Amino acid sequence: MTGPGPCDGGPPAASQLPAPGVPLIPGVPPVADGPPVPGWLRELADAASKMEINPAVQPPAHGGRASAVLVLFAGGAAGVGASEQNDPDLLFIQRSADLRLHAGQPAFPGGAIDADDDGPVAAALREAAEEVGVDPTGVDVVGTLPELFIPRTGFRVVPVLAWWRRPCEVAPVDPAEVAAVERVSVSELADPETRVMVRGPAGFVSPAFRVKGMLIWGFTAVLVDRLLALAGWERPWDTGKVIDL
């Protein structure tokens, strides 16, 4: 539950960011009070948009519920550097333990795409606003990743990669849905001591992260693992360290 100041509020709608200075929302000027999208994030978005999809999370030809998550970076403008100011972070939520799906699980803000949403970008921004109070007008959308599938729950998920140009204080809006909010630095996620493999009830083994009192696993951890590798942030770690979920 961190951030430099309160959100100003704003409409949860946006489109792809084609270049610096081009409005995200038609008729609405881009956010001026904050650092522009760093080059490393544009390069990551380009690489991630063309990443290979593991067959285990390849969406089926038909079926599944369309959804989106907001992969929101903030912080350093030069990637993982020599100081904390150059260490970007990611925004995570921890879902309420009483939810029917993904109870108690850390995740990126997001949810199902509603009929009123103008696609996955608008849905991801709306959900982030509704869940933890992110102001969409302070967010620059950089791109979208290929659609992925969560077989256990049947969600088809489009990750929306974005830059938090104007971070603000965030907290659970509805505690019945979101229990906590955390910003986790890339250096923490890339730390070999943070990284483990988890074995689920069905025996499937996948990457996970133990950080800030959370165990980030499942779809979210697989996505973080892939982004670390694509950005060149991954450090050698013990993939033989397996814990049961």
Protein backbone atom coordinates (compact mmCIF):
# COMPACT_ATOMS: atom_id res chain seq x y z
CA MET A 1 0.00 0.00 0.00
CA THR A 2 2.60 2.44 -1.11
CA GLY A 3 2.87 5.52 -3.30
CA PRO A 4 3.85 9.16 -3.18
CA GLY A 5 0.40 10.68 -2.98
CA PRO A 6 -3.37 10.28 -3.45
CA CYS A 7 -4.93 9.52 -6.82
CA ASP A 8 -6.71 12.30 -8.65
CA GLY A 9 -9.30 10.05 -10.25
CA GLY A 10 -10.19 9.77 -13.91
CA PRO A 11 -12.11 7.79 -16.50
CA PRO A 12 -10.89 4.18 -16.98
CA ALA A 13 -10.36 4.26 -20.74
CA ALA A 14 -7.24 4.28 -22.90
CA SER A 15 -5.71 3.00 -26.14
CA GLN A 16 -2.30 1.83 -27.25
CA LEU A 17 0.49 4.37 -26.82
CA PRO A 18 2.06 4.81 -30.30
CA ALA A 19 4.75 7.34 -29.42
CA PRO A 20 5.72 9.86 -26.72
CA GLY A 21 3.42 12.86 -26.69
CA VAL A 22 0.56 11.16 -28.52
CA PRO A 23 -2.69 11.15 -26.48
CA LEU A 24 -3.69 7.86 -24.90
CA ILE A 25 -7.35 8.85 -24.93
CA PRO A 26 -8.78 10.71 -27.95
CA GLY A 27 -9.21 14.36 -27.02
CA VAL A 28 -7.32 13.98 -23.73
CA PRO A 29 -3.66 15.16 -23.66
CA PRO A 30 -1.03 12.74 -22.38
CA VAL A 31 0.05 12.95 -18.74
CA ALA A 32 2.71 15.63 -18.44
CA ASP A 33 3.71 15.42 -14.78
CA GLY A 34 5.93 12.38 -14.71
CA PRO A 35 8.78 10.59 -16.48
CA PRO A 36 8.06 9.34 -19.99
CA VAL A 37 7.93 5.65 -20.88
CA PRO A 38 11.54 4.42 -20.57
CA GLY A 39 13.23 2.82 -23.54
CA TRP A 40 13.76 -0.49 -21.74
CA LEU A 41 10.00 -0.86 -21.28
CA ARG A 42 9.31 -0.18 -24.95
CA GLU A 43 11.90 -2.81 -25.85
CA LEU A 44 10.36 -5.26 -23.38
CA ALA A 45 6.87 -4.62 -24.80
CA ASP A 46 8.14 -5.29 -28.31
CA ALA A 47 9.85 -8.55 -27.29
CA ALA A 48 6.89 -9.69 -25.17
CA SER A 49 4.38 -9.03 -27.96
CA LYS A 50 6.15 -11.67 -30.04
CA MET A 51 7.00 -14.15 -27.29
CA GLU A 52 6.40 -17.85 -27.79
CA ILE A 53 3.45 -19.29 -25.86
CA ASN A 54 3.83 -22.45 -23.85
CA PRO A 55 1.33 -25.05 -25.14
CA ALA A 56 0.07 -25.44 -21.56
CA VAL A 57 -1.33 -21.88 -21.64
CA GLN A 58 -2.25 -21.71 -25.33
CA PRO A 59 -5.90 -20.53 -25.60
CA PRO A 60 -8.31 -23.04 -27.17
CA ALA A 61 -9.95 -22.27 -30.50
CA HIS A 62 -13.28 -21.68 -28.75
CA GLY A 63 -14.55 -21.09 -25.23
CA GLY A 64 -13.14 -19.44 -22.15
CA ARG A 65 -13.96 -16.08 -20.59
CA ALA A 66 -12.18 -13.03 -21.99
CA SER A 67 -10.23 -11.08 -19.37
CA ALA A 68 -7.25 -8.76 -18.96
CA VAL A 69 -4.63 -7.91 -16.33
CA LEU A 70 -2.58 -4.74 -15.87
CA VAL A 71 1.19 -5.37 -15.69
CA LEU A 72 2.07 -1.95 -14.29
CA PHE A 73 5.71 -0.87 -14.03
CA ALA A 74 6.87 2.21 -12.11
CA GLY A 75 10.15 3.55 -10.78
CA GLY A 76 13.61 3.68 -12.32
CA ALA A 77 14.00 4.86 -15.88
CA ALA A 78 17.09 2.80 -16.64
CA GLY A 79 16.12 -0.71 -15.62
CA VAL A 80 17.89 -2.50 -12.80
CA GLY A 81 20.77 -0.20 -11.96
CA ALA A 82 23.13 0.73 -9.19
CA SER A 83 20.58 2.53 -7.03
CA GLU A 84 17.01 2.11 -5.87
CA GLN A 85 16.01 5.00 -8.14
CA ASN A 86 16.93 2.83 -11.13
CA ASP A 87 15.05 -0.22 -9.85
CA PRO A 88 11.54 -0.39 -11.36
CA ASP A 89 8.74 -2.15 -9.56
CA LEU A 90 5.51 -3.99 -10.38
CA LEU A 91 2.10 -3.57 -8.77
CA PHE A 92 0.52 -6.69 -7.26
CA ILE A 93 -2.69 -7.31 -5.39
CA GLN A 94 -3.51 -10.14 -3.00
CA ARG A 95 -7.02 -11.41 -3.51
CA SER A 96 -9.38 -11.95 -0.59
CA ALA A 97 -9.35 -15.39 1.00
CA ASP A 98 -13.16 -15.54 0.66
CA LEU A 99 -13.30 -15.37 -3.13
CA ARG A 100 -14.61 -18.34 -5.11
CA LEU A 101 -11.76 -18.17 -7.65
CA HIS A 102 -8.07 -17.46 -6.94
CA ALA A 103 -8.79 -16.99 -3.21
CA GLY A 104 -5.86 -15.46 -1.31
CA GLN A 105 -3.63 -15.52 -4.39
CA PRO A 106 -1.28 -12.66 -5.36
CA ALA A 107 -2.03 -11.40 -8.88
CA PHE A 108 -1.88 -8.46 -11.19
CA PRO A 109 -4.93 -6.17 -11.05
CA GLY A 110 -7.51 -7.29 -13.58
CA GLY A 111 -10.59 -9.33 -14.33
CA ALA A 112 -13.20 -10.20 -16.92
CA ILE A 113 -13.77 -7.91 -19.90
CA ASP A 114 -17.27 -6.45 -19.59
CA ALA A 115 -19.58 -5.71 -22.50
CA ASP A 116 -19.10 -1.96 -21.87
CA ASP A 117 -15.30 -2.19 -22.02
CA ASP A 118 -13.56 -1.07 -25.19
CA GLY A 119 -11.33 -4.16 -25.27
CA PRO A 120 -8.68 -5.54 -22.89
CA VAL A 121 -6.83 -2.24 -22.31
CA ALA A 122 -9.95 -0.50 -21.03
CA ALA A 123 -10.88 -3.54 -18.94
CA ALA A 124 -7.44 -3.75 -17.30
CA LEU A 125 -7.45 -0.04 -16.43
CA ARG A 126 -11.03 -0.18 -15.13
CA GLU A 127 -10.28 -3.17 -12.92
CA ALA A 128 -7.14 -1.53 -11.50
CA ALA A 129 -9.18 1.56 -10.66
CA GLU A 130 -12.00 -0.45 -9.10
CA GLU A 131 -9.75 -2.82 -7.16
CA VAL A 132 -7.07 -0.54 -5.72
CA GLY A 133 -7.73 3.03 -6.90
CA VAL A 134 -5.18 3.37 -9.73
CA ASP A 135 -5.86 6.58 -11.67
CA PRO A 136 -5.95 5.57 -15.37
CA THR A 137 -5.00 9.10 -16.47
CA GLY A 138 -1.62 8.58 -14.79
CA VAL A 139 -0.93 5.38 -16.73
CA ASP A 140 0.70 5.09 -20.17
CA VAL A 141 -0.23 1.85 -21.93
CA VAL A 142 2.78 0.52 -23.86
CA GLY A 143 1.36 -2.62 -25.45
CA THR A 144 -0.41 -5.92 -25.04
CA LEU A 145 0.98 -9.44 -24.85
CA PRO A 146 -0.41 -12.50 -26.62
CA GLU A 147 -3.57 -13.91 -25.08
CA LEU A 148 -2.89 -16.67 -22.53
CA PHE A 149 -5.18 -19.30 -21.03
CA ILE A 150 -5.68 -20.44 -17.43
CA PRO A 151 -7.04 -24.00 -17.75
CA ARG A 152 -8.03 -24.30 -14.09
CA THR A 153 -10.50 -21.40 -14.25
CA GLY A 154 -11.14 -21.09 -17.99
CA PHE A 155 -10.03 -17.46 -18.33
CA ARG A 156 -8.48 -16.17 -21.55
CA VAL A 157 -6.15 -13.40 -20.34
CA VAL A 158 -4.59 -10.50 -22.26
CA PRO A 159 -1.72 -8.97 -20.23
CA VAL A 160 -1.60 -5.19 -20.72
CA LEU A 161 1.89 -3.76 -20.26
CA ALA A 162 1.93 -0.21 -18.90
CA TRP A 163 4.07 2.52 -17.34
CA TRP A 164 2.87 4.25 -14.17
CA ARG A 165 3.95 7.74 -15.09
CA ARG A 166 2.19 9.27 -12.09
CA PRO A 167 2.15 6.73 -9.23
CA CYS A 168 -0.28 7.40 -6.43
CA GLU A 169 -1.24 5.88 -3.12
CA VAL A 170 -3.21 2.68 -3.63
CA ALA A 171 -5.15 0.43 -1.28
CA PRO A 172 -7.94 -2.17 -1.50
CA VAL A 173 -11.17 -0.46 -2.55
CA ASP A 174 -13.31 -3.47 -1.62
CA PRO A 175 -11.66 -5.66 1.08
CA ALA A 176 -14.09 -8.44 0.18
CA GLU A 177 -12.30 -8.68 -3.18
CA VAL A 178 -8.73 -7.46 -2.51
CA ALA A 179 -6.96 -8.05 0.80
CA ALA A 180 -3.69 -6.16 0.17
CA VAL A 181 -1.63 -4.23 -2.37
CA GLU A 182 2.14 -4.34 -2.84
CA ARG A 183 4.71 -2.77 -5.13
CA VAL A 184 7.58 -5.23 -5.60
CA SER A 185 10.87 -4.16 -7.16
CA VAL A 186 12.38 -6.02 -10.09
CA SER A 187 15.57 -6.55 -8.06
CA GLU A 188 13.56 -8.40 -5.40
CA LEU A 189 11.82 -10.55 -8.00
CA ALA A 190 15.12 -11.34 -9.74
CA ASP A 191 16.91 -12.17 -6.47
CA PRO A 192 17.83 -15.90 -6.60
CA GLU A 193 16.93 -16.21 -2.90
CA THR A 194 13.37 -15.14 -3.72
CA ARG A 195 12.85 -17.76 -6.40
CA VAL A 196 11.47 -21.27 -5.96
CA MET A 197 9.50 -23.84 -7.93
CA VAL A 198 6.09 -24.92 -6.62
CA ARG A 199 4.32 -28.22 -7.13
CA GLY A 200 0.55 -27.95 -7.37
CA PRO A 201 -2.05 -30.55 -6.31
CA ALA A 202 -2.03 -32.05 -9.82
CA GLY A 203 1.76 -32.42 -9.74
CA PHE A 204 2.45 -29.56 -12.16
CA VAL A 205 5.69 -27.71 -11.27
CA SER A 206 6.11 -24.02 -12.14
CA PRO A 207 8.11 -20.94 -11.08
CA ALA A 208 7.17 -18.96 -7.98
CA PHE A 209 8.42 -16.00 -5.93
CA ARG A 210 8.51 -15.65 -2.14
CA VAL A 211 8.58 -11.91 -1.49
CA LYS A 212 7.07 -9.40 0.96
CA GLY A 213 5.25 -12.18 2.82
CA MET A 214 3.57 -13.41 -0.38
CA LEU A 215 3.99 -16.55 -2.46
CA ILE A 216 3.44 -15.42 -6.05
CA TRP A 217 2.66 -18.53 -8.09
CA GLY A 218 0.50 -19.81 -10.94
CA PHE A 219 -0.28 -17.70 -14.00
CA THR A 220 1.10 -14.50 -12.43
CA ALA A 221 4.45 -16.07 -11.54
CA VAL A 222 4.81 -17.70 -14.96
CA LEU A 223 4.26 -14.30 -16.58
CA VAL A 224 6.74 -12.54 -14.26
CA ASP A 225 9.30 -15.27 -14.93
CA ARG A 226 8.93 -14.76 -18.67
CA LEU A 227 9.20 -10.96 -18.45
CA LEU A 228 12.37 -11.18 -16.34
CA ALA A 229 13.95 -13.40 -18.98
CA LEU A 230 12.85 -11.23 -21.92
CA ALA A 231 14.14 -8.06 -20.25
CA GLY A 232 17.51 -9.63 -19.42
CA TRP A 233 16.92 -9.28 -15.67
CA GLU A 234 16.89 -12.97 -14.85
CA ARG A 235 19.75 -14.16 -12.63
CA PRO A 236 20.88 -17.78 -12.20
CA TRP A 237 18.80 -19.48 -9.52
CA ASP A 238 18.19 -22.95 -8.13
CA THR A 239 15.34 -24.46 -10.17
CA GLY A 240 15.73 -27.63 -8.13
CA LYS A 241 14.32 -25.87 -5.03
CA VAL A 242 10.74 -27.22 -5.13
CA ILE A 243 8.05 -26.66 -2.49
CA ASP A 244 4.55 -28.12 -2.35
CA LEU A 245 1.76 -25.61 -2.75
